[in-house]
Every structure is written in structure tokens, then in C-alpha cells.
Amino acid sequence: MTDNPFLNSQSDSSGRVIAPKGMSKAEREQFWIARGNRILWGEEPCQDGSYLDPRRNLEWRCKDGHYFIAEIGR
């Protein structure tokens, strides 16, 4: 089976992934960071269904509501 159960359970009718309701701001940030890292590390498909070459030296971060990619350990 190639369906992504994460997308099926937490997406709207257009197929876009949405954060679960009832989360705090910090929980939403962690939700998007975790999802972004799975995509960045080649563990989850991009919106077009393709997978990125894993970039294990990078990770998503959030500061003051702004998301960015940085090297791990810096």
C-alpha cells in the first residue's frame, strides 16, 4: 500500500495537510517542524509525490513565528 495514512487522516478535501485542531502555538510549530523534517530527510513525499534526496545535515527550525532551514548543531 502506498497511501500515506498521515495525509489521509489530517488533510482537507483538497489533499492539503492541516494541523490538528486544539493545538497550542508551540504544538503547531512542532507539528510543522516535524513534518518539514520528514520531507527534508526523504521520509515523506513532497506535495507532488516525489521524495527529496535526504539532507540529514539540515533541519527545520522556528524562531518568532518564522520557519527556516539550518544546519544541525549550529
PDB file of N, CA and C in Angstrom:
ATOM      1  N   MET A   1       0.844  -1.174   0.000  1.00  0.00           N
ATOM      2  CA  MET A   1       0.000   0.000   0.000  1.00  0.00           C
ATOM      3  C   MET A   1       0.894   1.243   0.000  1.00  0.00           C
ATOM      4  N   THR A   2       0.623   2.176  -0.880  1.00  0.00           N
ATOM      5  CA  THR A   2       1.444   3.375  -0.987  1.00  0.00           C
ATOM      6  C   THR A   2       0.761   4.601  -0.401  1.00  0.00           C
ATOM      7  N   ASP A   3      -0.476   4.471   0.072  1.00  0.00           N
ATOM      8  CA  ASP A   3      -1.155   5.618   0.662  1.00  0.00           C
ATOM      9  C   ASP A   3      -0.444   6.066   1.919  1.00  0.00           C
ATOM     10  N   ASN A   4      -0.399   7.365   2.131  1.00  0.00           N
ATOM     11  CA  ASN A   4       0.188   7.917   3.334  1.00  0.00           C
ATOM     12  C   ASN A   4      -0.951   8.137   4.329  1.00  0.00           C
ATOM     13  N   PRO A   5      -1.055   7.327   5.378  1.00  0.00           N
ATOM     14  CA  PRO A   5      -2.167   7.471   6.317  1.00  0.00           C
ATOM     15  C   PRO A   5      -2.140   8.816   7.038  1.00  0.00           C
ATOM     16  N   PHE A   6      -0.969   9.407   7.192  1.00  0.00           N
ATOM     17  CA  PHE A   6      -0.873  10.715   7.824  1.00  0.00           C
ATOM     18  C   PHE A   6      -1.624  11.757   6.997  1.00  0.00           C
ATOM     19  N   LEU A   7      -1.412  11.734   5.693  1.00  0.00           N
ATOM     20  CA  LEU A   7      -2.108  12.685   4.826  1.00  0.00           C
ATOM     21  C   LEU A   7      -3.607  12.419   4.801  1.00  0.00           C
ATOM     22  N   ASN A   8      -3.988  11.152   4.764  1.00  0.00           N
ATOM     23  CA  ASN A   8      -5.404  10.818   4.690  1.00  0.00           C
ATOM     24  C   ASN A   8      -6.166  11.233   5.935  1.00  0.00           C
ATOM     25  N   SER A   9      -5.531  11.150   7.103  1.00  0.00           N
ATOM     26  CA  SER A   9      -6.236  11.450   8.335  1.00  0.00           C
ATOM     27  C   SER A   9      -6.188  12.930   8.710  1.00  0.00           C
ATOM     28  N   GLN A  10      -5.247  13.682   8.160  1.00  0.00           N
ATOM     29  CA  GLN A  10      -5.103  15.075   8.551  1.00  0.00           C
ATOM     30  C   GLN A  10      -5.023  15.992   7.339  1.00  0.00           C
ATOM     31  N   SER A  11      -5.911  15.807   6.402  1.00  0.00           N
ATOM     32  CA  SER A  11      -5.927  16.672   5.234  1.00  0.00           C
ATOM     33  C   SER A  11      -7.349  17.146   4.987  1.00  0.00           C
ATOM     34  N   ASP A  12      -7.467  18.256   4.294  1.00  0.00           N
ATOM     35  CA  ASP A  12      -8.799  18.737   3.946  1.00  0.00           C
ATOM     36  C   ASP A  12      -9.201  18.122   2.608  1.00  0.00           C
ATOM     37  N   SER A  13     -10.308  18.541   2.056  1.00  0.00           N
ATOM     38  CA  SER A  13     -10.815  17.931   0.821  1.00  0.00           C
ATOM     39  C   SER A  13      -9.884  18.145  -0.373  1.00  0.00           C
ATOM     40  N   SER A  14      -9.001  19.149  -0.315  1.00  0.00           N
ATOM     41  CA  SER A  14      -8.088  19.399  -1.427  1.00  0.00           C
ATOM     42  C   SER A  14      -6.822  18.553  -1.318  1.00  0.00           C
ATOM     43  N   GLY A  15      -6.663  17.811  -0.214  1.00  0.00           N
ATOM     44  CA  GLY A  15      -5.476  16.995  -0.028  1.00  0.00           C
ATOM     45  C   GLY A  15      -4.360  17.707   0.709  1.00  0.00           C
ATOM     46  N   ARG A  16      -4.577  18.973   1.056  1.00  0.00           N
ATOM     47  CA  ARG A  16      -3.573  19.730   1.807  1.00  0.00           C
ATOM     48  C   ARG A  16      -3.513  19.238   3.241  1.00  0.00           C
ATOM     49  N   VAL A  17      -2.332  19.150   3.792  1.00  0.00           N
ATOM     50  CA  VAL A  17      -2.172  18.750   5.185  1.00  0.00           C
ATOM     51  C   VAL A  17      -2.490  19.938   6.071  1.00  0.00           C
ATOM     52  N   ILE A  18      -3.256  19.691   7.125  1.00  0.00           N
ATOM     53  CA  ILE A  18      -3.600  20.734   8.086  1.00  0.00           C
ATOM     54  C   ILE A  18      -3.241  20.245   9.485  1.00  0.00           C
ATOM     55  N   ALA A  19      -2.863  21.171  10.350  1.00  0.00           N
ATOM     56  CA  ALA A  19      -2.553  20.812  11.729  1.00  0.00           C
ATOM     57  C   ALA A  19      -3.843  20.443  12.453  1.00  0.00           C
ATOM     58  N   PRO A  20      -3.794  19.449  13.323  1.00  0.00           N
ATOM     59  CA  PRO A  20      -4.999  19.082  14.084  1.00  0.00           C
ATOM     60  C   PRO A  20      -5.514  20.254  14.906  1.00  0.00           C
ATOM     61  N   LYS A  21      -6.810  20.308  15.091  1.00  0.00           N
ATOM     62  CA  LYS A  21      -7.430  21.383  15.867  1.00  0.00           C
ATOM     63  C   LYS A  21      -7.113  21.203  17.340  1.00  0.00           C
ATOM     64  N   GLY A  22      -7.146  22.306  18.067  1.00  0.00           N
ATOM     65  CA  GLY A  22      -6.956  22.271  19.501  1.00  0.00           C
ATOM     66  C   GLY A  22      -5.510  22.292  19.954  1.00  0.00           C
ATOM     67  N   MET A  23      -4.594  22.532  19.041  1.00  0.00           N
ATOM     68  CA  MET A  23      -3.178  22.587  19.408  1.00  0.00           C
ATOM     69  C   MET A  23      -2.797  23.999  19.854  1.00  0.00           C
ATOM     70  N   SER A  24      -1.852  24.068  20.781  1.00  0.00           N
ATOM     71  CA  SER A  24      -1.299  25.366  21.175  1.00  0.00           C
ATOM     72  C   SER A  24      -0.346  25.837  20.081  1.00  0.00           C
ATOM     73  N   LYS A  25       0.103  27.081  20.187  1.00  0.00           N
ATOM     74  CA  LYS A  25       1.037  27.622  19.198  1.00  0.00           C
ATOM     75  C   LYS A  25       2.314  26.784  19.153  1.00  0.00           C
ATOM     76  N   ALA A  26       2.838  26.426  20.318  1.00  0.00           N
ATOM     77  CA  ALA A  26       4.070  25.623  20.382  1.00  0.00           C
ATOM     78  C   ALA A  26       3.857  24.242  19.768  1.00  0.00           C
ATOM     79  N   GLU A  27       2.704  23.635  20.006  1.00  0.00           N
ATOM     80  CA  GLU A  27       2.404  22.320  19.427  1.00  0.00           C
ATOM     81  C   GLU A  27       2.286  22.403  17.916  1.00  0.00           C
ATOM     82  N   ARG A  28       1.667  23.472  17.390  1.00  0.00           N
ATOM     83  CA  ARG A  28       1.564  23.653  15.935  1.00  0.00           C
ATOM     84  C   ARG A  28       2.940  23.823  15.315  1.00  0.00           C
ATOM     85  N   GLU A  29       3.800  24.612  15.963  1.00  0.00           N
ATOM     86  CA  GLU A  29       5.159  24.791  15.449  1.00  0.00           C
ATOM     87  C   GLU A  29       5.876  23.452  15.372  1.00  0.00           C
ATOM     88  N   GLN A  30       5.780  22.644  16.433  1.00  0.00           N
ATOM     89  CA  GLN A  30       6.430  21.336  16.444  1.00  0.00           C
ATOM     90  C   GLN A  30       5.833  20.406  15.391  1.00  0.00           C
ATOM     91  N   PHE A  31       4.529  20.491  15.161  1.00  0.00           N
ATOM     92  CA  PHE A  31       3.866  19.695  14.127  1.00  0.00           C
ATOM     93  C   PHE A  31       4.467  19.992  12.759  1.00  0.00           C
ATOM     94  N   TRP A  32       4.595  21.293  12.417  1.00  0.00           N
ATOM     95  CA  TRP A  32       5.112  21.674  11.103  1.00  0.00           C
ATOM     96  C   TRP A  32       6.606  21.412  10.983  1.00  0.00           C
ATOM     97  N   ILE A  33       7.357  21.600  12.059  1.00  0.00           N
ATOM     98  CA  ILE A  33       8.781  21.296  12.028  1.00  0.00           C
ATOM     99  C   ILE A  33       8.998  19.805  11.800  1.00  0.00           C
ATOM    100  N   ALA A  34       8.261  18.971  12.524  1.00  0.00           N
ATOM    101  CA  ALA A  34       8.403  17.516  12.364  1.00  0.00           C
ATOM    102  C   ALA A  34       8.042  17.093  10.942  1.00  0.00           C
ATOM    103  N   ARG A  35       6.968  17.641  10.403  1.00  0.00           N
ATOM    104  CA  ARG A  35       6.565  17.301   9.032  1.00  0.00           C
ATOM    105  C   ARG A  35       7.610  17.765   8.026  1.00  0.00           C
ATOM    106  N   GLY A  36       8.090  19.003   8.197  1.00  0.00           N
ATOM    107  CA  GLY A  36       9.116  19.531   7.301  1.00  0.00           C
ATOM    108  C   GLY A  36      10.384  18.696   7.333  1.00  0.00           C
ATOM    109  N   ASN A  37      10.775  18.254   8.521  1.00  0.00           N
ATOM    110  CA  ASN A  37      11.972  17.416   8.633  1.00  0.00           C
ATOM    111  C   ASN A  37      11.774  16.068   7.950  1.00  0.00           C
ATOM    112  N   ARG A  38      10.593  15.475   8.086  1.00  0.00           N
ATOM    113  CA  ARG A  38      10.345  14.195   7.403  1.00  0.00           C
ATOM    114  C   ARG A  38      10.483  14.361   5.889  1.00  0.00           C
ATOM    115  N   ILE A  39      10.006  15.458   5.353  1.00  0.00           N
ATOM    116  CA  ILE A  39      10.133  15.718   3.913  1.00  0.00           C
ATOM    117  C   ILE A  39      11.592  15.984   3.559  1.00  0.00           C
ATOM    118  N   LEU A  40      12.252  16.843   4.335  1.00  0.00           N
ATOM    119  CA  LEU A  40      13.647  17.207   4.087  1.00  0.00           C
ATOM    120  C   LEU A  40      14.560  15.990   4.145  1.00  0.00           C
ATOM    121  N   TRP A  41      14.250  15.057   5.033  1.00  0.00           N
ATOM    122  CA  TRP A  41      15.083  13.867   5.216  1.00  0.00           C
ATOM    123  C   TRP A  41      14.670  12.715   4.308  1.00  0.00           C
ATOM    124  N   GLY A  42      13.723  12.947   3.385  1.00  0.00           N
ATOM    125  CA  GLY A  42      13.320  11.929   2.423  1.00  0.00           C
ATOM    126  C   GLY A  42      12.441  10.839   2.987  1.00  0.00           C
ATOM    127  N   GLU A  43      11.774  11.102   4.109  1.00  0.00           N
ATOM    128  CA  GLU A  43      10.919  10.111   4.759  1.00  0.00           C
ATOM    129  C   GLU A  43       9.453  10.251   4.378  1.00  0.00           C
ATOM    130  N   GLU A  44       9.081  11.381   3.792  1.00  0.00           N
ATOM    131  CA  GLU A  44       7.695  11.655   3.413  1.00  0.00           C
ATOM    132  C   GLU A  44       7.722  12.357   2.058  1.00  0.00           C
ATOM    133  N   PRO A  45       6.754  12.075   1.184  1.00  0.00           N
ATOM    134  CA  PRO A  45       6.775  12.698  -0.143  1.00  0.00           C
ATOM    135  C   PRO A  45       6.454  14.190  -0.096  1.00  0.00           C
ATOM    136  N   CYS A  46       6.959  14.899  -1.088  1.00  0.00           N
ATOM    137  CA  CYS A  46       6.629  16.305  -1.287  1.00  0.00           C
ATOM    138  C   CYS A  46       5.196  16.399  -1.802  1.00  0.00           C
ATOM    139  N   GLN A  47       4.712  17.586  -2.000  1.00  0.00           N
ATOM    140  CA  GLN A  47       3.352  17.796  -2.477  1.00  0.00           C
ATOM    141  C   GLN A  47       3.115  17.123  -3.830  1.00  0.00           C
ATOM    142  N   ASP A  48       4.132  17.067  -4.676  1.00  0.00           N
ATOM    143  CA  ASP A  48       3.969  16.455  -5.997  1.00  0.00           C
ATOM    144  C   ASP A  48       4.154  14.930  -5.972  1.00  0.00           C
ATOM    145  N   GLY A  49       4.398  14.366  -4.786  1.00  0.00           N
ATOM    146  CA  GLY A  49       4.535  12.916  -4.660  1.00  0.00           C
ATOM    147  C   GLY A  49       5.958  12.409  -4.765  1.00  0.00           C
ATOM    148  N   SER A  50       6.895  13.282  -5.115  1.00  0.00           N
ATOM    149  CA  SER A  50       8.297  12.866  -5.205  1.00  0.00           C
ATOM    150  C   SER A  50       8.955  12.961  -3.828  1.00  0.00           C
ATOM    151  N   TYR A  51      10.090  12.301  -3.696  1.00  0.00           N
ATOM    152  CA  TYR A  51      10.849  12.338  -2.450  1.00  0.00           C
ATOM    153  C   TYR A  51      12.140  13.113  -2.675  1.00  0.00           C
ATOM    154  N   LEU A  52      12.548  13.897  -1.687  1.00  0.00           N
ATOM    155  CA  LEU A  52      13.816  14.620  -1.767  1.00  0.00           C
ATOM    156  C   LEU A  52      14.967  13.674  -1.451  1.00  0.00           C
ATOM    157  N   ASP A  53      16.143  13.986  -1.986  1.00  0.00           N
ATOM    158  CA  ASP A  53      17.338  13.280  -1.546  1.00  0.00           C
ATOM    159  C   ASP A  53      17.542  13.666  -0.085  1.00  0.00           C
ATOM    160  N   PRO A  54      17.726  12.692   0.803  1.00  0.00           N
ATOM    161  CA  PRO A  54      17.842  13.001   2.238  1.00  0.00           C
ATOM    162  C   PRO A  54      18.953  14.001   2.541  1.00  0.00           C
ATOM    163  N   ARG A  55      18.629  14.999   3.306  1.00  0.00           N
ATOM    164  CA  ARG A  55      19.584  16.027   3.746  1.00  0.00           C
ATOM    165  C   ARG A  55      19.656  15.965   5.268  1.00  0.00           C
ATOM    166  N   ARG A  56      20.315  14.950   5.789  1.00  0.00           N
ATOM    167  CA  ARG A  56      20.375  14.701   7.233  1.00  0.00           C
ATOM    168  C   ARG A  56      21.203  15.737   7.989  1.00  0.00           C
ATOM    169  N   ASN A  57      21.925  16.585   7.293  1.00  0.00           N
ATOM    170  CA  ASN A  57      22.706  17.617   7.967  1.00  0.00           C
ATOM    171  C   ASN A  57      21.898  18.904   8.180  1.00  0.00           C
ATOM    172  N   LEU A  58      20.649  18.930   7.714  1.00  0.00           N
ATOM    173  CA  LEU A  58      19.790  20.105   7.831  1.00  0.00           C
ATOM    174  C   LEU A  58      18.534  19.771   8.620  1.00  0.00           C
ATOM    175  N   GLU A  59      17.923  20.786   9.206  1.00  0.00           N
ATOM    176  CA  GLU A  59      16.652  20.612   9.905  1.00  0.00           C
ATOM    177  C   GLU A  59      15.865  21.911   9.861  1.00  0.00           C
ATOM    178  N   TRP A  60      14.547  21.785   9.995  1.00  0.00           N
ATOM    179  CA  TRP A  60      13.676  22.945  10.081  1.00  0.00           C
ATOM    180  C   TRP A  60      13.703  23.465  11.505  1.00  0.00           C
ATOM    181  N   ARG A  61      13.612  24.793  11.642  1.00  0.00           N
ATOM    182  CA  ARG A  61      13.520  25.447  12.944  1.00  0.00           C
ATOM    183  C   ARG A  61      12.503  26.576  12.852  1.00  0.00           C
ATOM    184  N   CYS A  62      12.095  27.060  14.014  1.00  0.00           N
ATOM    185  CA  CYS A  62      11.163  28.188  14.054  1.00  0.00           C
ATOM    186  C   CYS A  62      11.625  29.148  15.141  1.00  0.00           C
ATOM    187  N   LYS A  63      11.669  30.430  14.785  1.00  0.00           N
ATOM    188  CA  LYS A  63      12.018  31.469  15.749  1.00  0.00           C
ATOM    189  C   LYS A  63      11.105  32.657  15.514  1.00  0.00           C
ATOM    190  N   ASP A  64      10.399  33.066  16.544  1.00  0.00           N
ATOM    191  CA  ASP A  64       9.484  34.203  16.466  1.00  0.00           C
ATOM    192  C   ASP A  64       8.455  34.039  15.350  1.00  0.00           C
ATOM    193  N   GLY A  65       7.985  32.816  15.137  1.00  0.00           N
ATOM    194  CA  GLY A  65       6.963  32.555  14.128  1.00  0.00           C
ATOM    195  C   GLY A  65       7.479  32.424  12.710  1.00  0.00           C
ATOM    196  N   HIS A  66       8.791  32.478  12.523  1.00  0.00           N
ATOM    197  CA  HIS A  66       9.394  32.347  11.200  1.00  0.00           C
ATOM    198  C   HIS A  66      10.098  31.001  11.091  1.00  0.00           C
ATOM    199  N   TYR A  67       9.765  30.247  10.063  1.00  0.00           N
ATOM    200  CA  TYR A  67      10.354  28.929   9.834  1.00  0.00           C
ATOM    201  C   TYR A  67      11.541  29.053   8.881  1.00  0.00           C
ATOM    202  N   PHE A  68      12.600  28.299   9.174  1.00  0.00           N
ATOM    203  CA  PHE A  68      13.789  28.329   8.324  1.00  0.00           C
ATOM    204  C   PHE A  68      14.534  27.010   8.446  1.00  0.00           C
ATOM    205  N   ILE A  69      15.404  26.763   7.488  1.00  0.00           N
ATOM    206  CA  ILE A  69      16.233  25.557   7.488  1.00  0.00           C
ATOM    207  C   ILE A  69      17.633  25.950   7.932  1.00  0.00           C
ATOM    208  N   ALA A  70      18.213  25.154   8.847  1.00  0.00           N
ATOM    209  CA  ALA A  70      19.564  25.424   9.354  1.00  0.00           C
ATOM    210  C   ALA A  70      20.320  24.121   9.469  1.00  0.00           C
ATOM    211  N   GLU A  71      21.644  24.230   9.541  1.00  0.00           N
ATOM    212  CA  GLU A  71      22.468  23.041   9.739  1.00  0.00           C
ATOM    213  C   GLU A  71      22.270  22.536  11.168  1.00  0.00           C
ATOM    214  N   ILE A  72      22.228  21.236  11.318  1.00  0.00           N
ATOM    215  CA  ILE A  72      22.081  20.626  12.639  1.00  0.00           C
ATOM    216  C   ILE A  72      23.350  20.907  13.437  1.00  0.00           C
ATOM    217  N   GLY A  73      23.164  21.297  14.678  1.00  0.00           N
ATOM    218  CA  GLY A  73      24.293  21.569  15.559  1.00  0.00           C
ATOM    219  C   GLY A  73      24.835  22.972  15.505  1.00  0.00           C
ATOM    220  N   ARG A  74      24.218  23.829  14.717  1.00  0.00           N
ATOM    221  CA  ARG A  74      24.682  25.220  14.638  1.00  0.00           C
ATOM    222  C   ARG A  74      23.663  26.139  15.228  1.00  0.00           C
TER     223      ARG A  74
END
